[in-house]
């Protein structure tokens, strides 16, 4: 009888511990409103107050997409907006300055504006990197990334409501 009680107590305790662990960490959630637009998080790392978020974007459709662009955080309606786990906003319409910079592929420098109009070749991955500046060292994750994407063939433009553009949530930050 004592063994059964101890076993039940151990199972109950393990259930509590596993519930605590799963409540503390939420899985990364990526929402793309177009079935041919696939986004993966490659890494999210920080050094001091700078966070680098590397993404892999893939056009899984049959056709190349012309005039494809992803915008940084230079301000205005065509800006990527990012929120951290403490509620701070980076980039976006109401942000001051340019704290979200962007680059693609093997470019060595980041831009405040965009990656430049290009053809998004079908089934060829495109690496896009976001550099987020001024992030407090206490921040543990990115709560929301609202990517500002221009892909007219997919009815995605900077005039599109934000809710239609790709969104990434709950991205943990690895700190050095």
C-alpha atoms as a PDB file:
ATOM      1  CA  UNK A   1       0.000   0.000   0.000  1.00  0.00           C
ATOM      2  CA  UNK A   2       2.839   2.407   0.854  1.00  0.00           C
ATOM      3  CA  UNK A   3       4.548   1.587  -2.457  1.00  0.00           C
ATOM      4  CA  UNK A   4       1.404   2.398  -4.412  1.00  0.00           C
ATOM      5  CA  UNK A   5       0.971   5.689  -2.552  1.00  0.00           C
ATOM      6  CA  UNK A   6       4.632   6.613  -3.211  1.00  0.00           C
ATOM      7  CA  UNK A   7       4.327   5.734  -6.893  1.00  0.00           C
ATOM      8  CA  UNK A   8       1.146   7.823  -7.233  1.00  0.00           C
ATOM      9  CA  UNK A   9       2.803  10.716  -5.407  1.00  0.00           C
ATOM     10  CA  UNK A  10       5.837  10.504  -7.714  1.00  0.00           C
ATOM     11  CA  UNK A  11       3.624  10.493 -10.823  1.00  0.00           C
ATOM     12  CA  UNK A  12       1.679  13.495  -9.498  1.00  0.00           C
ATOM     13  CA  UNK A  13       4.911  15.401  -8.753  1.00  0.00           C
ATOM     14  CA  UNK A  14       6.312  14.664 -12.223  1.00  0.00           C
ATOM     15  CA  UNK A  15       3.074  15.892 -13.807  1.00  0.00           C
ATOM     16  CA  UNK A  16       3.363  19.170 -11.900  1.00  0.00           C
ATOM     17  CA  UNK A  17       6.986  19.641 -12.982  1.00  0.00           C
ATOM     18  CA  UNK A  18       6.244  18.899 -16.637  1.00  0.00           C
ATOM     19  CA  UNK A  19       3.277  21.326 -16.578  1.00  0.00           C
ATOM     20  CA  UNK A  20       5.513  24.047 -15.146  1.00  0.00           C
ATOM     21  CA  UNK A  21       8.109  23.491 -17.854  1.00  0.00           C
ATOM     22  CA  UNK A  22       5.587  23.590 -20.697  1.00  0.00           C
ATOM     23  CA  UNK A  23       3.895  26.688 -19.274  1.00  0.00           C
ATOM     24  CA  UNK A  24       7.216  28.565 -19.280  1.00  0.00           C
ATOM     25  CA  UNK A  25       8.103  27.879 -22.889  1.00  0.00           C
ATOM     26  CA  UNK A  26       5.739  28.381 -25.791  1.00  0.00           C
ATOM     27  CA  UNK A  27       6.553  26.979 -29.214  1.00  0.00           C
ATOM     28  CA  UNK A  28       7.486  29.313 -32.034  1.00  0.00           C
ATOM     29  CA  UNK A  29       4.396  30.119 -34.082  1.00  0.00           C
ATOM     30  CA  UNK A  30       4.672  31.230 -37.702  1.00  0.00           C
ATOM     31  CA  UNK A  31       1.599  32.435 -39.585  1.00  0.00           C
ATOM     32  CA  UNK A  32       1.788  33.077 -43.300  1.00  0.00           C
ATOM     33  CA  UNK A  33      -1.471  33.913 -45.052  1.00  0.00           C
ATOM     34  CA  UNK A  34      -0.238  32.546 -48.368  1.00  0.00           C
ATOM     35  CA  UNK A  35       0.167  28.780 -48.836  1.00  0.00           C
ATOM     36  CA  UNK A  36       3.285  29.177 -51.030  1.00  0.00           C
ATOM     37  CA  UNK A  37       5.179  31.405 -48.556  1.00  0.00           C
ATOM     38  CA  UNK A  38       7.172  29.354 -46.063  1.00  0.00           C
ATOM     39  CA  UNK A  39       9.239  30.950 -43.286  1.00  0.00           C
ATOM     40  CA  UNK A  40      11.569  29.236 -40.808  1.00  0.00           C
ATOM     41  CA  UNK A  41      13.563  30.689 -37.938  1.00  0.00           C
ATOM     42  CA  UNK A  42      17.209  29.742 -38.402  1.00  0.00           C
ATOM     43  CA  UNK A  43      18.475  31.404 -35.220  1.00  0.00           C
ATOM     44  CA  UNK A  44      17.874  34.270 -32.833  1.00  0.00           C
ATOM     45  CA  UNK A  45      20.976  35.369 -30.928  1.00  0.00           C
ATOM     46  CA  UNK A  46      21.935  38.401 -28.878  1.00  0.00           C
ATOM     47  CA  UNK A  47      25.096  40.117 -27.844  1.00  0.00           C
ATOM     48  CA  UNK A  48      24.509  42.973 -25.451  1.00  0.00           C
ATOM     49  CA  UNK A  49      21.597  45.046 -26.717  1.00  0.00           C
ATOM     50  CA  UNK A  50      21.681  43.743 -30.306  1.00  0.00           C
ATOM     51  CA  UNK A  51      19.543  40.783 -31.411  1.00  0.00           C
ATOM     52  CA  UNK A  52      20.068  39.038 -34.755  1.00  0.00           C
ATOM     53  CA  UNK A  53      17.092  37.093 -36.094  1.00  0.00           C
ATOM     54  CA  UNK A  54      17.931  34.939 -39.125  1.00  0.00           C
ATOM     55  CA  UNK A  55      15.045  33.656 -41.230  1.00  0.00           C
ATOM     56  CA  UNK A  56      14.853  31.302 -44.188  1.00  0.00           C
ATOM     57  CA  UNK A  57      12.056  32.173 -46.614  1.00  0.00           C
ATOM     58  CA  UNK A  58      10.974  29.852 -49.396  1.00  0.00           C
ATOM     59  CA  UNK A  59       8.544  30.325 -52.250  1.00  0.00           C
ATOM     60  CA  UNK A  60       7.120  26.800 -52.470  1.00  0.00           C
ATOM     61  CA  UNK A  61       4.921  27.612 -55.459  1.00  0.00           C
ATOM     62  CA  UNK A  62       5.440  26.704 -59.104  1.00  0.00           C
ATOM     63  CA  UNK A  63       6.296  30.219 -60.282  1.00  0.00           C
ATOM     64  CA  UNK A  64       8.841  32.883 -59.413  1.00  0.00           C
ATOM     65  CA  UNK A  65       7.443  35.979 -57.686  1.00  0.00           C
ATOM     66  CA  UNK A  66       8.566  39.304 -59.198  1.00  0.00           C
ATOM     67  CA  UNK A  67       8.924  42.547 -57.209  1.00  0.00           C
ATOM     68  CA  UNK A  68       9.374  40.668 -53.928  1.00  0.00           C
ATOM     69  CA  UNK A  69      10.694  42.755 -51.025  1.00  0.00           C
ATOM     70  CA  UNK A  70      10.896  42.639 -47.230  1.00  0.00           C
ATOM     71  CA  UNK A  71      11.133  45.918 -45.343  1.00  0.00           C
ATOM     72  CA  UNK A  72      13.165  46.840 -42.282  1.00  0.00           C
ATOM     73  CA  UNK A  73      12.044  49.261 -39.603  1.00  0.00           C
ATOM     74  CA  UNK A  74      12.700  52.666 -41.127  1.00  0.00           C
ATOM     75  CA  UNK A  75       9.264  53.938 -40.095  1.00  0.00           C
ATOM     76  CA  UNK A  76       6.069  54.448 -41.995  1.00  0.00           C
ATOM     77  CA  UNK A  77       3.478  51.963 -43.136  1.00  0.00           C
ATOM     78  CA  UNK A  78       5.967  49.697 -44.874  1.00  0.00           C
ATOM     79  CA  UNK A  79       7.975  48.810 -41.764  1.00  0.00           C
ATOM     80  CA  UNK A  80       8.514  45.509 -40.051  1.00  0.00           C
ATOM     81  CA  UNK A  81       7.344  45.821 -36.445  1.00  0.00           C
ATOM     82  CA  UNK A  82       8.789  43.744 -33.602  1.00  0.00           C
ATOM     83  CA  UNK A  83       7.694  43.407 -29.966  1.00  0.00           C
ATOM     84  CA  UNK A  84       9.778  41.743 -27.269  1.00  0.00           C
ATOM     85  CA  UNK A  85       8.652  39.736 -24.240  1.00  0.00           C
ATOM     86  CA  UNK A  86       8.701  42.889 -22.091  1.00  0.00           C
ATOM     87  CA  UNK A  87       6.398  44.821 -24.438  1.00  0.00           C
ATOM     88  CA  UNK A  88       9.026  47.042 -26.104  1.00  0.00           C
ATOM     89  CA  UNK A  89       8.397  47.942 -29.762  1.00  0.00           C
ATOM     90  CA  UNK A  90      11.068  48.115 -32.462  1.00  0.00           C
ATOM     91  CA  UNK A  91      10.463  49.467 -35.954  1.00  0.00           C
ATOM     92  CA  UNK A  92       6.959  50.154 -37.182  1.00  0.00           C
ATOM     93  CA  UNK A  93       4.957  53.268 -37.865  1.00  0.00           C
ATOM     94  CA  UNK A  94       5.301  54.851 -34.425  1.00  0.00           C
ATOM     95  CA  UNK A  95       8.922  53.936 -33.765  1.00  0.00           C
ATOM     96  CA  UNK A  96      11.501  56.651 -33.598  1.00  0.00           C
ATOM     97  CA  UNK A  97      14.740  56.135 -35.469  1.00  0.00           C
ATOM     98  CA  UNK A  98      15.679  52.937 -37.186  1.00  0.00           C
ATOM     99  CA  UNK A  99      16.188  50.195 -34.632  1.00  0.00           C
ATOM    100  CA  UNK A 100      15.314  47.328 -37.034  1.00  0.00           C
ATOM    101  CA  UNK A 101      17.711  46.802 -39.920  1.00  0.00           C
ATOM    102  CA  UNK A 102      17.548  44.112 -42.591  1.00  0.00           C
ATOM    103  CA  UNK A 103      19.759  42.307 -45.084  1.00  0.00           C
ATOM    104  CA  UNK A 104      19.481  39.307 -47.341  1.00  0.00           C
ATOM    105  CA  UNK A 105      21.774  36.565 -48.537  1.00  0.00           C
ATOM    106  CA  UNK A 106      25.462  37.237 -48.212  1.00  0.00           C
ATOM    107  CA  UNK A 107      25.264  41.034 -48.067  1.00  0.00           C
ATOM    108  CA  UNK A 108      27.688  42.331 -45.482  1.00  0.00           C
ATOM    109  CA  UNK A 109      25.729  45.412 -44.414  1.00  0.00           C
ATOM    110  CA  UNK A 110      22.269  45.956 -42.993  1.00  0.00           C
ATOM    111  CA  UNK A 111      19.819  48.511 -44.383  1.00  0.00           C
ATOM    112  CA  UNK A 112      17.173  50.515 -42.551  1.00  0.00           C
ATOM    113  CA  UNK A 113      14.926  50.251 -45.581  1.00  0.00           C
ATOM    114  CA  UNK A 114      14.568  46.912 -47.359  1.00  0.00           C
ATOM    115  CA  UNK A 115      16.307  44.000 -49.058  1.00  0.00           C
ATOM    116  CA  UNK A 116      15.598  45.515 -52.488  1.00  0.00           C
ATOM    117  CA  UNK A 117      13.076  44.402 -55.100  1.00  0.00           C
ATOM    118  CA  UNK A 118      14.029  40.999 -56.396  1.00  0.00           C
ATOM    119  CA  UNK A 119      12.636  37.901 -57.983  1.00  0.00           C
ATOM    120  CA  UNK A 120      11.694  35.362 -55.312  1.00  0.00           C
ATOM    121  CA  UNK A 121      12.705  32.221 -57.171  1.00  0.00           C
ATOM    122  CA  UNK A 122      10.457  29.199 -56.673  1.00  0.00           C
ATOM    123  CA  UNK A 123      11.884  26.564 -54.323  1.00  0.00           C
ATOM    124  CA  UNK A 124      15.162  28.413 -53.695  1.00  0.00           C
ATOM    125  CA  UNK A 125      15.623  29.474 -50.052  1.00  0.00           C
ATOM    126  CA  UNK A 126      16.227  33.162 -49.342  1.00  0.00           C
ATOM    127  CA  UNK A 127      18.035  34.058 -46.136  1.00  0.00           C
ATOM    128  CA  UNK A 128      16.836  37.276 -44.504  1.00  0.00           C
ATOM    129  CA  UNK A 129      18.448  38.675 -41.375  1.00  0.00           C
ATOM    130  CA  UNK A 130      16.914  41.253 -39.029  1.00  0.00           C
ATOM    131  CA  UNK A 131      19.149  43.262 -36.693  1.00  0.00           C
ATOM    132  CA  UNK A 132      17.214  44.642 -33.728  1.00  0.00           C
ATOM    133  CA  UNK A 133      19.044  47.326 -31.753  1.00  0.00           C
ATOM    134  CA  UNK A 134      18.428  48.646 -28.260  1.00  0.00           C
ATOM    135  CA  UNK A 135      17.017  45.417 -26.806  1.00  0.00           C
ATOM    136  CA  UNK A 136      17.408  45.277 -22.998  1.00  0.00           C
ATOM    137  CA  UNK A 137      19.587  42.369 -21.848  1.00  0.00           C
ATOM    138  CA  UNK A 138      16.718  41.197 -19.614  1.00  0.00           C
ATOM    139  CA  UNK A 139      14.571  40.341 -22.668  1.00  0.00           C
ATOM    140  CA  UNK A 140      14.338  36.561 -23.134  1.00  0.00           C
ATOM    141  CA  UNK A 141      12.274  36.294 -26.322  1.00  0.00           C
ATOM    142  CA  UNK A 142      10.688  38.057 -29.250  1.00  0.00           C
ATOM    143  CA  UNK A 143       6.933  38.052 -28.663  1.00  0.00           C
ATOM    144  CA  UNK A 144       5.869  39.133 -32.172  1.00  0.00           C
ATOM    145  CA  UNK A 145       7.435  39.935 -35.533  1.00  0.00           C
ATOM    146  CA  UNK A 146       5.073  41.509 -38.054  1.00  0.00           C
ATOM    147  CA  UNK A 147       7.005  41.272 -41.316  1.00  0.00           C
ATOM    148  CA  UNK A 148       6.270  43.922 -43.896  1.00  0.00           C
ATOM    149  CA  UNK A 149       6.398  42.094 -47.223  1.00  0.00           C
ATOM    150  CA  UNK A 150       5.802  43.269 -50.768  1.00  0.00           C
ATOM    151  CA  UNK A 151       4.670  40.443 -53.062  1.00  0.00           C
ATOM    152  CA  UNK A 152       1.975  41.826 -55.387  1.00  0.00           C
ATOM    153  CA  UNK A 153       1.399  38.432 -57.014  1.00  0.00           C
ATOM    154  CA  UNK A 154       0.362  37.148 -53.574  1.00  0.00           C
ATOM    155  CA  UNK A 155      -1.685  40.292 -52.778  1.00  0.00           C
ATOM    156  CA  UNK A 156       0.841  41.297 -50.122  1.00  0.00           C
ATOM    157  CA  UNK A 157       1.896  44.955 -50.230  1.00  0.00           C
ATOM    158  CA  UNK A 158       2.804  47.537 -47.638  1.00  0.00           C
ATOM    159  CA  UNK A 159      -0.804  48.769 -47.949  1.00  0.00           C
ATOM    160  CA  UNK A 160      -2.096  45.325 -46.929  1.00  0.00           C
ATOM    161  CA  UNK A 161      -3.525  45.220 -43.404  1.00  0.00           C
ATOM    162  CA  UNK A 162      -0.832  44.095 -40.939  1.00  0.00           C
ATOM    163  CA  UNK A 163      -2.875  41.029 -40.022  1.00  0.00           C
ATOM    164  CA  UNK A 164      -2.395  39.675 -43.566  1.00  0.00           C
ATOM    165  CA  UNK A 165       1.398  39.925 -43.513  1.00  0.00           C
ATOM    166  CA  UNK A 166       3.488  37.075 -42.098  1.00  0.00           C
ATOM    167  CA  UNK A 167       3.746  36.941 -38.304  1.00  0.00           C
ATOM    168  CA  UNK A 168       6.205  35.084 -36.086  1.00  0.00           C
ATOM    169  CA  UNK A 169       5.596  34.625 -32.354  1.00  0.00           C
ATOM    170  CA  UNK A 170       7.448  33.344 -29.284  1.00  0.00           C
ATOM    171  CA  UNK A 171      10.999  33.281 -30.615  1.00  0.00           C
ATOM    172  CA  UNK A 172      13.491  32.550 -27.812  1.00  0.00           C
ATOM    173  CA  UNK A 173      16.688  34.604 -27.754  1.00  0.00           C
ATOM    174  CA  UNK A 174      20.019  32.843 -27.193  1.00  0.00           C
ATOM    175  CA  UNK A 175      22.413  35.150 -25.374  1.00  0.00           C
ATOM    176  CA  UNK A 176      26.225  34.946 -25.456  1.00  0.00           C
END
